[in-house]
Amino acid sequence: MITQVRPASLSAWLHSVSDAQPVVLDVREPWELQTASVRPTDFRLISIPMNEIPARLAELDPATPVACLCHHGARSLRVAAFLAENGFENVVNIAGGIHAWSVERDPEVPVY
């Protein structure tokens, strides 16, 4: 089972993981990134559309903590499960996606 982390609680999760800088993996499509994107603060942001994850898996480090992000949380949950099945040790899903991010964490991120 994949752990769900609300955007409001993400900072606590980021600080609870290892010394490696965690990654927020945004799995939305390029047009979605142009519409609304997060600003990396205490994490590294990587954007790979969901359908490209299998082919680009080598770009991610299985030992680095990963929080998956999409629009509402469904695609990112599927990616998080895929990562966990492929040896990633510390993976969570950002519940509510970028929509919840805008509401709970950064109101400057547009809602779409």
PDB file of N, CA and C in Angstrom:
ATOM      1  N   MET A   1       0.842  -1.192   0.000  1.00  0.00           N
ATOM      2  CA  MET A   1       0.000   0.000   0.000  1.00  0.00           C
ATOM      3  C   MET A   1       0.879   1.244   0.000  1.00  0.00           C
ATOM      4  N   ILE A   2       0.510   2.191  -0.812  1.00  0.00           N
ATOM      5  CA  ILE A   2       1.265   3.445  -0.949  1.00  0.00           C
ATOM      6  C   ILE A   2       0.752   4.463   0.084  1.00  0.00           C
ATOM      7  N   THR A   3       1.671   5.064   0.794  1.00  0.00           N
ATOM      8  CA  THR A   3       1.332   6.099   1.761  1.00  0.00           C
ATOM      9  C   THR A   3       0.842   7.347   1.034  1.00  0.00           C
ATOM     10  N   GLN A   4      -0.222   7.938   1.558  1.00  0.00           N
ATOM     11  CA  GLN A   4      -0.782   9.178   1.025  1.00  0.00           C
ATOM     12  C   GLN A   4      -0.340  10.338   1.925  1.00  0.00           C
ATOM     13  N   VAL A   5       0.183  11.379   1.317  1.00  0.00           N
ATOM     14  CA  VAL A   5       0.609  12.571   2.064  1.00  0.00           C
ATOM     15  C   VAL A   5      -0.118  13.771   1.467  1.00  0.00           C
ATOM     16  N   ARG A   6      -0.828  14.497   2.300  1.00  0.00           N
ATOM     17  CA  ARG A   6      -1.499  15.724   1.846  1.00  0.00           C
ATOM     18  C   ARG A   6      -0.446  16.806   1.620  1.00  0.00           C
ATOM     19  N   PRO A   7      -0.658  17.722   0.702  1.00  0.00           N
ATOM     20  CA  PRO A   7       0.296  18.808   0.484  1.00  0.00           C
ATOM     21  C   PRO A   7       0.608  19.588   1.765  1.00  0.00           C
ATOM     22  N   ALA A   8      -0.383  19.769   2.613  1.00  0.00           N
ATOM     23  CA  ALA A   8      -0.173  20.500   3.868  1.00  0.00           C
ATOM     24  C   ALA A   8       0.813  19.777   4.787  1.00  0.00           C
ATOM     25  N   SER A   9       0.944  18.455   4.629  1.00  0.00           N
ATOM     26  CA  SER A   9       1.837  17.647   5.469  1.00  0.00           C
ATOM     27  C   SER A   9       3.124  17.277   4.759  1.00  0.00           C
ATOM     28  N   LEU A  10       3.298  17.733   3.532  1.00  0.00           N
ATOM     29  CA  LEU A  10       4.458  17.313   2.745  1.00  0.00           C
ATOM     30  C   LEU A  10       5.774  17.742   3.385  1.00  0.00           C
ATOM     31  N   SER A  11       5.853  18.937   3.924  1.00  0.00           N
ATOM     32  CA  SER A  11       7.102  19.392   4.541  1.00  0.00           C
ATOM     33  C   SER A  11       7.529  18.462   5.664  1.00  0.00           C
ATOM     34  N   ALA A  12       6.584  18.013   6.460  1.00  0.00           N
ATOM     35  CA  ALA A  12       6.915  17.077   7.549  1.00  0.00           C
ATOM     36  C   ALA A  12       7.485  15.788   6.979  1.00  0.00           C
ATOM     37  N   TRP A  13       6.878  15.271   5.901  1.00  0.00           N
ATOM     38  CA  TRP A  13       7.397  14.045   5.284  1.00  0.00           C
ATOM     39  C   TRP A  13       8.789  14.295   4.706  1.00  0.00           C
ATOM     40  N   LEU A  14       8.974  15.411   4.012  1.00  0.00           N
ATOM     41  CA  LEU A  14      10.271  15.716   3.414  1.00  0.00           C
ATOM     42  C   LEU A  14      11.366  15.744   4.472  1.00  0.00           C
ATOM     43  N   HIS A  15      11.067  16.301   5.636  1.00  0.00           N
ATOM     44  CA  HIS A  15      12.070  16.406   6.699  1.00  0.00           C
ATOM     45  C   HIS A  15      12.260  15.095   7.443  1.00  0.00           C
ATOM     46  N   SER A  16      11.320  14.171   7.303  1.00  0.00           N
ATOM     47  CA  SER A  16      11.422  12.893   8.012  1.00  0.00           C
ATOM     48  C   SER A  16      12.234  11.854   7.241  1.00  0.00           C
ATOM     49  N   VAL A  17      12.477  12.104   5.959  1.00  0.00           N
ATOM     50  CA  VAL A  17      13.198  11.134   5.142  1.00  0.00           C
ATOM     51  C   VAL A  17      14.695  11.348   5.262  1.00  0.00           C
ATOM     52  N   SER A  18      15.450  10.458   4.657  1.00  0.00           N
ATOM     53  CA  SER A  18      16.901  10.436   4.801  1.00  0.00           C
ATOM     54  C   SER A  18      17.558  11.770   4.433  1.00  0.00           C
ATOM     55  N   ASP A  19      18.869  11.783   4.580  1.00  0.00           N
ATOM     56  CA  ASP A  19      19.641  12.993   4.297  1.00  0.00           C
ATOM     57  C   ASP A  19      19.656  13.360   2.819  1.00  0.00           C
ATOM     58  N   ALA A  20      19.331  12.408   1.954  1.00  0.00           N
ATOM     59  CA  ALA A  20      19.285  12.704   0.520  1.00  0.00           C
ATOM     60  C   ALA A  20      18.159  13.683   0.241  1.00  0.00           C
ATOM     61  N   GLN A  21      18.379  14.582  -0.701  1.00  0.00           N
ATOM     62  CA  GLN A  21      17.320  15.535  -1.034  1.00  0.00           C
ATOM     63  C   GLN A  21      16.195  14.780  -1.738  1.00  0.00           C
ATOM     64  N   PRO A  22      14.999  14.800  -1.159  1.00  0.00           N
ATOM     65  CA  PRO A  22      13.877  14.085  -1.768  1.00  0.00           C
ATOM     66  C   PRO A  22      13.461  14.718  -3.090  1.00  0.00           C
ATOM     67  N   VAL A  23      12.727  13.915  -3.859  1.00  0.00           N
ATOM     68  CA  VAL A  23      12.248  14.338  -5.165  1.00  0.00           C
ATOM     69  C   VAL A  23      10.729  14.415  -5.152  1.00  0.00           C
ATOM     70  N   VAL A  24      10.179  15.476  -5.715  1.00  0.00           N
ATOM     71  CA  VAL A  24       8.767  15.502  -6.070  1.00  0.00           C
ATOM     72  C   VAL A  24       8.741  15.202  -7.558  1.00  0.00           C
ATOM     73  N   LEU A  25       8.116  14.080  -7.892  1.00  0.00           N
ATOM     74  CA  LEU A  25       8.023  13.620  -9.277  1.00  0.00           C
ATOM     75  C   LEU A  25       6.665  14.024  -9.824  1.00  0.00           C
ATOM     76  N   ASP A  26       6.664  15.017 -10.695  1.00  0.00           N
ATOM     77  CA  ASP A  26       5.433  15.512 -11.308  1.00  0.00           C
ATOM     78  C   ASP A  26       5.196  14.699 -12.575  1.00  0.00           C
ATOM     79  N   VAL A  27       4.108  13.930 -12.600  1.00  0.00           N
ATOM     80  CA  VAL A  27       3.844  13.008 -13.710  1.00  0.00           C
ATOM     81  C   VAL A  27       2.786  13.547 -14.675  1.00  0.00           C
ATOM     82  N   ARG A  28       2.493  14.844 -14.583  1.00  0.00           N
ATOM     83  CA  ARG A  28       1.500  15.437 -15.474  1.00  0.00           C
ATOM     84  C   ARG A  28       2.098  15.694 -16.853  1.00  0.00           C
ATOM     85  N   GLU A  29       1.227  15.990 -17.795  1.00  0.00           N
ATOM     86  CA  GLU A  29       1.620  16.260 -19.176  1.00  0.00           C
ATOM     87  C   GLU A  29       2.210  17.672 -19.302  1.00  0.00           C
ATOM     88  N   PRO A  30       3.034  17.911 -20.336  1.00  0.00           N
ATOM     89  CA  PRO A  30       3.660  19.232 -20.497  1.00  0.00           C
ATOM     90  C   PRO A  30       2.675  20.396 -20.483  1.00  0.00           C
ATOM     91  N   TRP A  31       1.519  20.253 -21.108  1.00  0.00           N
ATOM     92  CA  TRP A  31       0.557  21.360 -21.111  1.00  0.00           C
ATOM     93  C   TRP A  31       0.067  21.659 -19.696  1.00  0.00           C
ATOM     94  N   GLU A  32      -0.015  20.617 -18.850  1.00  0.00           N
ATOM     95  CA  GLU A  32      -0.438  20.829 -17.460  1.00  0.00           C
ATOM     96  C   GLU A  32       0.634  21.584 -16.684  1.00  0.00           C
ATOM     97  N   LEU A  33       1.888  21.270 -16.950  1.00  0.00           N
ATOM     98  CA  LEU A  33       2.991  21.969 -16.291  1.00  0.00           C
ATOM     99  C   LEU A  33       2.991  23.454 -16.656  1.00  0.00           C
ATOM    100  N   GLN A  34       2.632  23.753 -17.903  1.00  0.00           N
ATOM    101  CA  GLN A  34       2.557  25.148 -18.326  1.00  0.00           C
ATOM    102  C   GLN A  34       1.397  25.872 -17.658  1.00  0.00           C
ATOM    103  N   THR A  35       0.348  25.123 -17.336  1.00  0.00           N
ATOM    104  CA  THR A  35      -0.834  25.701 -16.702  1.00  0.00           C
ATOM    105  C   THR A  35      -0.589  25.999 -15.226  1.00  0.00           C
ATOM    106  N   ALA A  36       0.033  25.041 -14.530  1.00  0.00           N
ATOM    107  CA  ALA A  36       0.277  25.187 -13.098  1.00  0.00           C
ATOM    108  C   ALA A  36       1.450  24.311 -12.701  1.00  0.00           C
ATOM    109  N   SER A  37       2.414  24.898 -12.033  1.00  0.00           N
ATOM    110  CA  SER A  37       3.578  24.137 -11.579  1.00  0.00           C
ATOM    111  C   SER A  37       3.954  24.542 -10.161  1.00  0.00           C
ATOM    112  N   VAL A  38       4.622  23.615  -9.487  1.00  0.00           N
ATOM    113  CA  VAL A  38       5.089  23.886  -8.134  1.00  0.00           C
ATOM    114  C   VAL A  38       6.504  24.446  -8.210  1.00  0.00           C
ATOM    115  N   ARG A  39       6.886  25.164  -7.162  1.00  0.00           N
ATOM    116  CA  ARG A  39       8.240  25.684  -7.050  1.00  0.00           C
ATOM    117  C   ARG A  39       8.995  24.827  -6.049  1.00  0.00           C
ATOM    118  N   PRO A  40      10.134  24.281  -6.451  1.00  0.00           N
ATOM    119  CA  PRO A  40      10.898  23.467  -5.507  1.00  0.00           C
ATOM    120  C   PRO A  40      11.426  24.319  -4.355  1.00  0.00           C
ATOM    121  N   THR A  41      11.245  23.820  -3.158  1.00  0.00           N
ATOM    122  CA  THR A  41      11.771  24.503  -1.977  1.00  0.00           C
ATOM    123  C   THR A  41      12.752  23.559  -1.283  1.00  0.00           C
ATOM    124  N   ASP A  42      12.250  22.648  -0.497  1.00  0.00           N
ATOM    125  CA  ASP A  42      13.101  21.694   0.213  1.00  0.00           C
ATOM    126  C   ASP A  42      13.091  20.328  -0.466  1.00  0.00           C
ATOM    127  N   PHE A  43      12.957  20.339  -1.770  1.00  0.00           N
ATOM    128  CA  PHE A  43      12.958  19.112  -2.569  1.00  0.00           C
ATOM    129  C   PHE A  43      13.455  19.440  -3.966  1.00  0.00           C
ATOM    130  N   ARG A  44      13.790  18.398  -4.705  1.00  0.00           N
ATOM    131  CA  ARG A  44      14.160  18.528  -6.115  1.00  0.00           C
ATOM    132  C   ARG A  44      12.940  18.154  -6.936  1.00  0.00           C
ATOM    133  N   LEU A  45      12.615  18.928  -7.946  1.00  0.00           N
ATOM    134  CA  LEU A  45      11.459  18.672  -8.800  1.00  0.00           C
ATOM    135  C   LEU A  45      11.918  18.012 -10.088  1.00  0.00           C
ATOM    136  N   ILE A  46      11.292  16.875 -10.413  1.00  0.00           N
ATOM    137  CA  ILE A  46      11.534  16.184 -11.679  1.00  0.00           C
ATOM    138  C   ILE A  46      10.177  16.006 -12.342  1.00  0.00           C
ATOM    139  N   SER A  47      10.106  16.339 -13.622  1.00  0.00           N
ATOM    140  CA  SER A  47       8.863  16.189 -14.382  1.00  0.00           C
ATOM    141  C   SER A  47       9.051  15.130 -15.461  1.00  0.00           C
ATOM    142  N   ILE A  48       8.285  14.057 -15.343  1.00  0.00           N
ATOM    143  CA  ILE A  48       8.256  12.995 -16.351  1.00  0.00           C
ATOM    144  C   ILE A  48       6.794  12.589 -16.508  1.00  0.00           C
ATOM    145  N   PRO A  49       6.207  12.771 -17.688  1.00  0.00           N
ATOM    146  CA  PRO A  49       4.816  12.351 -17.869  1.00  0.00           C
ATOM    147  C   PRO A  49       4.631  10.871 -17.545  1.00  0.00           C
ATOM    148  N   MET A  50       3.480  10.549 -16.979  1.00  0.00           N
ATOM    149  CA  MET A  50       3.202   9.189 -16.514  1.00  0.00           C
ATOM    150  C   MET A  50       3.544   8.131 -17.556  1.00  0.00           C
ATOM    151  N   ASN A  51       3.147   8.331 -18.792  1.00  0.00           N
ATOM    152  CA  ASN A  51       3.360   7.305 -19.818  1.00  0.00           C
ATOM    153  C   ASN A  51       4.823   7.118 -20.188  1.00  0.00           C
ATOM    154  N   GLU A  52       5.689   8.043 -19.789  1.00  0.00           N
ATOM    155  CA  GLU A  52       7.111   7.937 -20.092  1.00  0.00           C
ATOM    156  C   GLU A  52       7.915   7.315 -18.947  1.00  0.00           C
ATOM    157  N   ILE A  53       7.294   7.106 -17.812  1.00  0.00           N
ATOM    158  CA  ILE A  53       8.013   6.606 -16.641  1.00  0.00           C
ATOM    159  C   ILE A  53       8.742   5.290 -16.920  1.00  0.00           C
ATOM    160  N   PRO A  54       8.095   4.262 -17.490  1.00  0.00           N
ATOM    161  CA  PRO A  54       8.832   3.003 -17.702  1.00  0.00           C
ATOM    162  C   PRO A  54      10.102   3.184 -18.540  1.00  0.00           C
ATOM    163  N   ALA A  55      10.035   3.962 -19.593  1.00  0.00           N
ATOM    164  CA  ALA A  55      11.188   4.160 -20.465  1.00  0.00           C
ATOM    165  C   ALA A  55      12.264   5.035 -19.822  1.00  0.00           C
ATOM    166  N   ARG A  56      11.883   5.872 -18.876  1.00  0.00           N
ATOM    167  CA  ARG A  56      12.818   6.822 -18.271  1.00  0.00           C
ATOM    168  C   ARG A  56      13.131   6.492 -16.817  1.00  0.00           C
ATOM    169  N   LEU A  57      12.830   5.284 -16.397  1.00  0.00           N
ATOM    170  CA  LEU A  57      13.010   4.875 -15.004  1.00  0.00           C
ATOM    171  C   LEU A  57      14.447   5.069 -14.526  1.00  0.00           C
ATOM    172  N   ALA A  58      15.410   4.885 -15.412  1.00  0.00           N
ATOM    173  CA  ALA A  58      16.821   5.017 -15.044  1.00  0.00           C
ATOM    174  C   ALA A  58      17.195   6.442 -14.630  1.00  0.00           C
ATOM    175  N   GLU A  59      16.336   7.420 -14.937  1.00  0.00           N
ATOM    176  CA  GLU A  59      16.604   8.808 -14.533  1.00  0.00           C
ATOM    177  C   GLU A  59      16.338   9.035 -13.048  1.00  0.00           C
ATOM    178  N   LEU A  60      15.715   8.060 -12.412  1.00  0.00           N
ATOM    179  CA  LEU A  60      15.364   8.170 -10.989  1.00  0.00           C
ATOM    180  C   LEU A  60      16.211   7.216 -10.175  1.00  0.00           C
ATOM    181  N   ASP A  61      16.543   7.613  -8.964  1.00  0.00           N
ATOM    182  CA  ASP A  61      17.353   6.792  -8.065  1.00  0.00           C
ATOM    183  C   ASP A  61      16.442   6.078  -7.072  1.00  0.00           C
ATOM    184  N   PRO A  62      16.431   4.739  -7.079  1.00  0.00           N
ATOM    185  CA  PRO A  62      15.551   3.998  -6.166  1.00  0.00           C
ATOM    186  C   PRO A  62      15.820   4.264  -4.686  1.00  0.00           C
ATOM    187  N   ALA A  63      16.999   4.765  -4.346  1.00  0.00           N
ATOM    188  CA  ALA A  63      17.326   5.037  -2.939  1.00  0.00           C
ATOM    189  C   ALA A  63      16.877   6.425  -2.493  1.00  0.00           C
ATOM    190  N   THR A  64      16.476   7.281  -3.436  1.00  0.00           N
ATOM    191  CA  THR A  64      16.038   8.637  -3.104  1.00  0.00           C
ATOM    192  C   THR A  64      14.543   8.649  -2.813  1.00  0.00           C
ATOM    193  N   PRO A  65      14.124   9.263  -1.718  1.00  0.00           N
ATOM    194  CA  PRO A  65      12.692   9.368  -1.439  1.00  0.00           C
ATOM    195  C   PRO A  65      11.972  10.148  -2.536  1.00  0.00           C
ATOM    196  N   VAL A  66      10.799   9.628  -2.943  1.00  0.00           N
ATOM    197  CA  VAL A  66      10.038  10.220  -4.042  1.00  0.00           C
ATOM    198  C   VAL A  66       8.593  10.448  -3.604  1.00  0.00           C
ATOM    199  N   ALA A  67       8.100  11.651  -3.846  1.00  0.00           N
ATOM    200  CA  ALA A  67       6.684  11.982  -3.649  1.00  0.00           C
ATOM    201  C   ALA A  67       6.106  12.261  -5.029  1.00  0.00           C
ATOM    202  N   CYS A  68       5.119  11.482  -5.436  1.00  0.00           N
ATOM    203  CA  CYS A  68       4.537  11.595  -6.778  1.00  0.00           C
ATOM    204  C   CYS A  68       3.371  12.575  -6.783  1.00  0.00           C
ATOM    205  N   LEU A  69       3.296  13.373  -7.847  1.00  0.00           N
ATOM    206  CA  LEU A  69       2.303  14.445  -7.963  1.00  0.00           C
ATOM    207  C   LEU A  69       1.653  14.413  -9.343  1.00  0.00           C
ATOM    208  N   CYS A  70       0.329  14.589  -9.382  1.00  0.00           N
ATOM    209  CA  CYS A  70      -0.390  14.782 -10.647  1.00  0.00           C
ATOM    210  C   CYS A  70      -1.472  15.830 -10.410  1.00  0.00           C
ATOM    211  N   HIS A  71      -2.560  15.775 -11.173  1.00  0.00           N
ATOM    212  CA  HIS A  71      -3.607  16.788 -11.034  1.00  0.00           C
ATOM    213  C   HIS A  71      -4.436  16.585  -9.766  1.00  0.00           C
ATOM    214  N   HIS A  72      -4.973  15.383  -9.586  1.00  0.00           N
ATOM    215  CA  HIS A  72      -5.801  15.108  -8.405  1.00  0.00           C
ATOM    216  C   HIS A  72      -5.302  13.936  -7.552  1.00  0.00           C
ATOM    217  N   GLY A  73      -4.321  13.195  -8.019  1.00  0.00           N
ATOM    218  CA  GLY A  73      -3.745  12.118  -7.214  1.00  0.00           C
ATOM    219  C   GLY A  73      -3.917  10.714  -7.754  1.00  0.00           C
ATOM    220  N   ALA A  74      -4.674  10.528  -8.829  1.00  0.00           N
ATOM    221  CA  ALA A  74      -4.906   9.180  -9.352  1.00  0.00           C
ATOM    222  C   ALA A  74      -3.719   8.680 -10.186  1.00  0.00           C
ATOM    223  N   ARG A  75      -3.263   9.486 -11.125  1.00  0.00           N
ATOM    224  CA  ARG A  75      -2.115   9.073 -11.947  1.00  0.00           C
ATOM    225  C   ARG A  75      -0.876   8.905 -11.091  1.00  0.00           C
ATOM    226  N   SER A  76      -0.658   9.833 -10.184  1.00  0.00           N
ATOM    227  CA  SER A  76       0.534   9.757  -9.340  1.00  0.00           C
ATOM    228  C   SER A  76       0.500   8.529  -8.435  1.00  0.00           C
ATOM    229  N   LEU A  77      -0.678   8.109  -8.012  1.00  0.00           N
ATOM    230  CA  LEU A  77      -0.790   6.887  -7.202  1.00  0.00           C
ATOM    231  C   LEU A  77      -0.362   5.675  -8.019  1.00  0.00           C
ATOM    232  N   ARG A  78      -0.767   5.628  -9.271  1.00  0.00           N
ATOM    233  CA  ARG A  78      -0.361   4.521 -10.144  1.00  0.00           C
ATOM    234  C   ARG A  78       1.150   4.522 -10.356  1.00  0.00           C
ATOM    235  N   VAL A  79       1.732   5.699 -10.545  1.00  0.00           N
ATOM    236  CA  VAL A  79       3.184   5.796 -10.720  1.00  0.00           C
ATOM    237  C   VAL A  79       3.898   5.388  -9.433  1.00  0.00           C
ATOM    238  N   ALA A  80       3.397   5.838  -8.296  1.00  0.00           N
ATOM    239  CA  ALA A  80       4.010   5.466  -7.014  1.00  0.00           C
ATOM    240  C   ALA A  80       4.006   3.954  -6.839  1.00  0.00           C
ATOM    241  N   ALA A  81       2.909   3.304  -7.175  1.00  0.00           N
ATOM    242  CA  ALA A  81       2.829   1.840  -7.072  1.00  0.00           C
ATOM    243  C   ALA A  81       3.832   1.188  -8.030  1.00  0.00           C
ATOM    244  N   PHE A  82       3.946   1.722  -9.237  1.00  0.00           N
ATOM    245  CA  PHE A  82       4.901   1.198 -10.207  1.00  0.00           C
ATOM    246  C   PHE A  82       6.327   1.328  -9.677  1.00  0.00           C
ATOM    247  N   LEU A  83       6.653   2.484  -9.107  1.00  0.00           N
ATOM    248  CA  LEU A  83       7.991   2.688  -8.558  1.00  0.00           C
ATOM    249  C   LEU A  83       8.263   1.706  -7.419  1.00  0.00           C
ATOM    250  N   ALA A  84       7.300   1.551  -6.534  1.00  0.00           N
ATOM    251  CA  ALA A  84       7.465   0.623  -5.413  1.00  0.00           C
ATOM    252  C   ALA A  84       7.691  -0.808  -5.911  1.00  0.00           C
ATOM    253  N   GLU A  85       6.980  -1.190  -6.954  1.00  0.00           N
ATOM    254  CA  GLU A  85       7.144  -2.527  -7.536  1.00  0.00           C
ATOM    255  C   GLU A  85       8.499  -2.690  -8.216  1.00  0.00           C
ATOM    256  N   ASN A  86       9.146  -1.578  -8.524  1.00  0.00           N
ATOM    257  CA  ASN A  86      10.435  -1.614  -9.210  1.00  0.00           C
ATOM    258  C   ASN A  86      11.598  -1.227  -8.306  1.00  0.00           C
ATOM    259  N   GLY A  87      11.446  -1.461  -7.017  1.00  0.00           N
ATOM    260  CA  GLY A  87      12.560  -1.343  -6.087  1.00  0.00           C
ATOM    261  C   GLY A  87      12.772  -0.006  -5.420  1.00  0.00           C
ATOM    262  N   PHE A  88      11.862   0.941  -5.615  1.00  0.00           N
ATOM    263  CA  PHE A  88      12.016   2.226  -4.940  1.00  0.00           C
ATOM    264  C   PHE A  88      11.624   2.043  -3.478  1.00  0.00           C
ATOM    265  N   GLU A  89      12.508   2.497  -2.582  1.00  0.00           N
ATOM    266  CA  GLU A  89      12.394   2.191  -1.166  1.00  0.00           C
ATOM    267  C   GLU A  89      11.432   3.094  -0.396  1.00  0.00           C
ATOM    268  N   ASN A  90      11.316   4.354  -0.805  1.00  0.00           N
ATOM    269  CA  ASN A  90      10.524   5.310  -0.036  1.00  0.00           C
ATOM    270  C   ASN A  90       9.726   6.171  -1.009  1.00  0.00           C
ATOM    271  N   VAL A  91       8.488   5.732  -1.285  1.00  0.00           N
ATOM    272  CA  VAL A  91       7.632   6.411  -2.252  1.00  0.00           C
ATOM    273  C   VAL A  91       6.297   6.732  -1.600  1.00  0.00           C
ATOM    274  N   VAL A  92       5.823   7.958  -1.804  1.00  0.00           N
ATOM    275  CA  VAL A  92       4.497   8.365  -1.332  1.00  0.00           C
ATOM    276  C   VAL A  92       3.749   9.027  -2.481  1.00  0.00           C
ATOM    277  N   ASN A  93       2.447   9.123  -2.322  1.00  0.00           N
ATOM    278  CA  ASN A  93       1.601   9.834  -3.264  1.00  0.00           C
ATOM    279  C   ASN A  93       1.127  11.132  -2.615  1.00  0.00           C
ATOM    280  N   ILE A  94       1.177  12.224  -3.365  1.00  0.00           N
ATOM    281  CA  ILE A  94       0.657  13.491  -2.862  1.00  0.00           C
ATOM    282  C   ILE A  94      -0.843  13.494  -3.114  1.00  0.00           C
ATOM    283  N   ALA A  95      -1.593  13.213  -2.070  1.00  0.00           N
ATOM    284  CA  ALA A  95      -3.050  13.078  -2.156  1.00  0.00           C
ATOM    285  C   ALA A  95      -3.689  14.408  -2.530  1.00  0.00           C
ATOM    286  N   GLY A  96      -4.581  14.360  -3.502  1.00  0.00           N
ATOM    287  CA  GLY A  96      -5.258  15.567  -3.948  1.00  0.00           C
ATOM    288  C   GLY A  96      -4.525  16.303  -5.046  1.00  0.00           C
ATOM    289  N   GLY A  97      -3.287  15.900  -5.329  1.00  0.00           N
ATOM    290  CA  GLY A  97      -2.522  16.447  -6.443  1.00  0.00           C
ATOM    291  C   GLY A  97      -2.259  17.936  -6.361  1.00  0.00           C
ATOM    292  N   ILE A  98      -1.998  18.506  -7.524  1.00  0.00           N
ATOM    293  CA  ILE A  98      -1.658  19.928  -7.584  1.00  0.00           C
ATOM    294  C   ILE A  98      -2.857  20.802  -7.213  1.00  0.00           C
ATOM    295  N   HIS A  99      -4.052  20.272  -7.401  1.00  0.00           N
ATOM    296  CA  HIS A  99      -5.241  21.027  -6.984  1.00  0.00           C
ATOM    297  C   HIS A  99      -5.192  21.255  -5.464  1.00  0.00           C
ATOM    298  N   ALA A 100      -4.949  20.182  -4.717  1.00  0.00           N
ATOM    299  CA  ALA A 100      -4.838  20.312  -3.262  1.00  0.00           C
ATOM    300  C   ALA A 100      -3.609  21.131  -2.881  1.00  0.00           C
ATOM    301  N   TRP A 101      -2.540  21.018  -3.667  1.00  0.00           N
ATOM    302  CA  TRP A 101      -1.323  21.808  -3.422  1.00  0.00           C
ATOM    303  C   TRP A 101      -1.681  23.296  -3.423  1.00  0.00           C
ATOM    304  N   SER A 102      -2.472  23.704  -4.407  1.00  0.00           N
ATOM    305  CA  SER A 102      -2.875  25.104  -4.505  1.00  0.00           C
ATOM    306  C   SER A 102      -3.720  25.521  -3.302  1.00  0.00           C
ATOM    307  N   VAL A 103      -4.616  24.662  -2.892  1.00  0.00           N
ATOM    308  CA  VAL A 103      -5.528  24.980  -1.784  1.00  0.00           C
ATOM    309  C   VAL A 103      -4.805  24.947  -0.440  1.00  0.00           C
ATOM    310  N   GLU A 104      -3.935  23.960  -0.233  1.00  0.00           N
ATOM    311  CA  GLU A 104      -3.335  23.722   1.091  1.00  0.00           C
ATOM    312  C   GLU A 104      -1.931  24.291   1.285  1.00  0.00           C
ATOM    313  N   ARG A 105      -1.177  24.453   0.202  1.00  0.00           N
ATOM    314  CA  ARG A 105       0.239  24.751   0.361  1.00  0.00           C
ATOM    315  C   ARG A 105       0.679  26.057  -0.304  1.00  0.00           C
ATOM    316  N   ASP A 106       0.178  26.317  -1.514  1.00  0.00           N
ATOM    317  CA  ASP A 106       0.633  27.502  -2.250  1.00  0.00           C
ATOM    318  C   ASP A 106      -0.499  28.044  -3.111  1.00  0.00           C
ATOM    319  N   PRO A 107      -1.241  29.026  -2.609  1.00  0.00           N
ATOM    320  CA  PRO A 107      -2.383  29.557  -3.350  1.00  0.00           C
ATOM    321  C   PRO A 107      -1.980  30.281  -4.642  1.00  0.00           C
ATOM    322  N   GLU A 108      -0.690  30.528  -4.865  1.00  0.00           N
ATOM    323  CA  GLU A 108      -0.259  31.140  -6.112  1.00  0.00           C
ATOM    324  C   GLU A 108      -0.222  30.137  -7.270  1.00  0.00           C
ATOM    325  N   VAL A 109      -0.317  28.842  -6.958  1.00  0.00           N
ATOM    326  CA  VAL A 109      -0.389  27.831  -8.009  1.00  0.00           C
ATOM    327  C   VAL A 109      -1.815  27.839  -8.545  1.00  0.00           C
ATOM    328  N   PRO A 110      -1.989  28.077  -9.844  1.00  0.00           N
ATOM    329  CA  PRO A 110      -3.352  28.143 -10.396  1.00  0.00           C
ATOM    330  C   PRO A 110      -4.098  26.828 -10.277  1.00  0.00           C
ATOM    331  N   VAL A 111      -5.394  26.931 -10.078  1.00  0.00           N
ATOM    332  CA  VAL A 111      -6.280  25.768 -10.076  1.00  0.00           C
ATOM    333  C   VAL A 111      -6.815  25.629 -11.488  1.00  0.00           C
ATOM    334  N   TYR A 112      -6.832  24.409 -11.987  1.00  0.00           N
ATOM    335  CA  TYR A 112      -7.370  24.182 -13.328  1.00  0.00           C
ATOM    336  C   TYR A 112      -8.204  22.925 -13.349  1.00  0.00           C
TER     337      TYR A 112
END
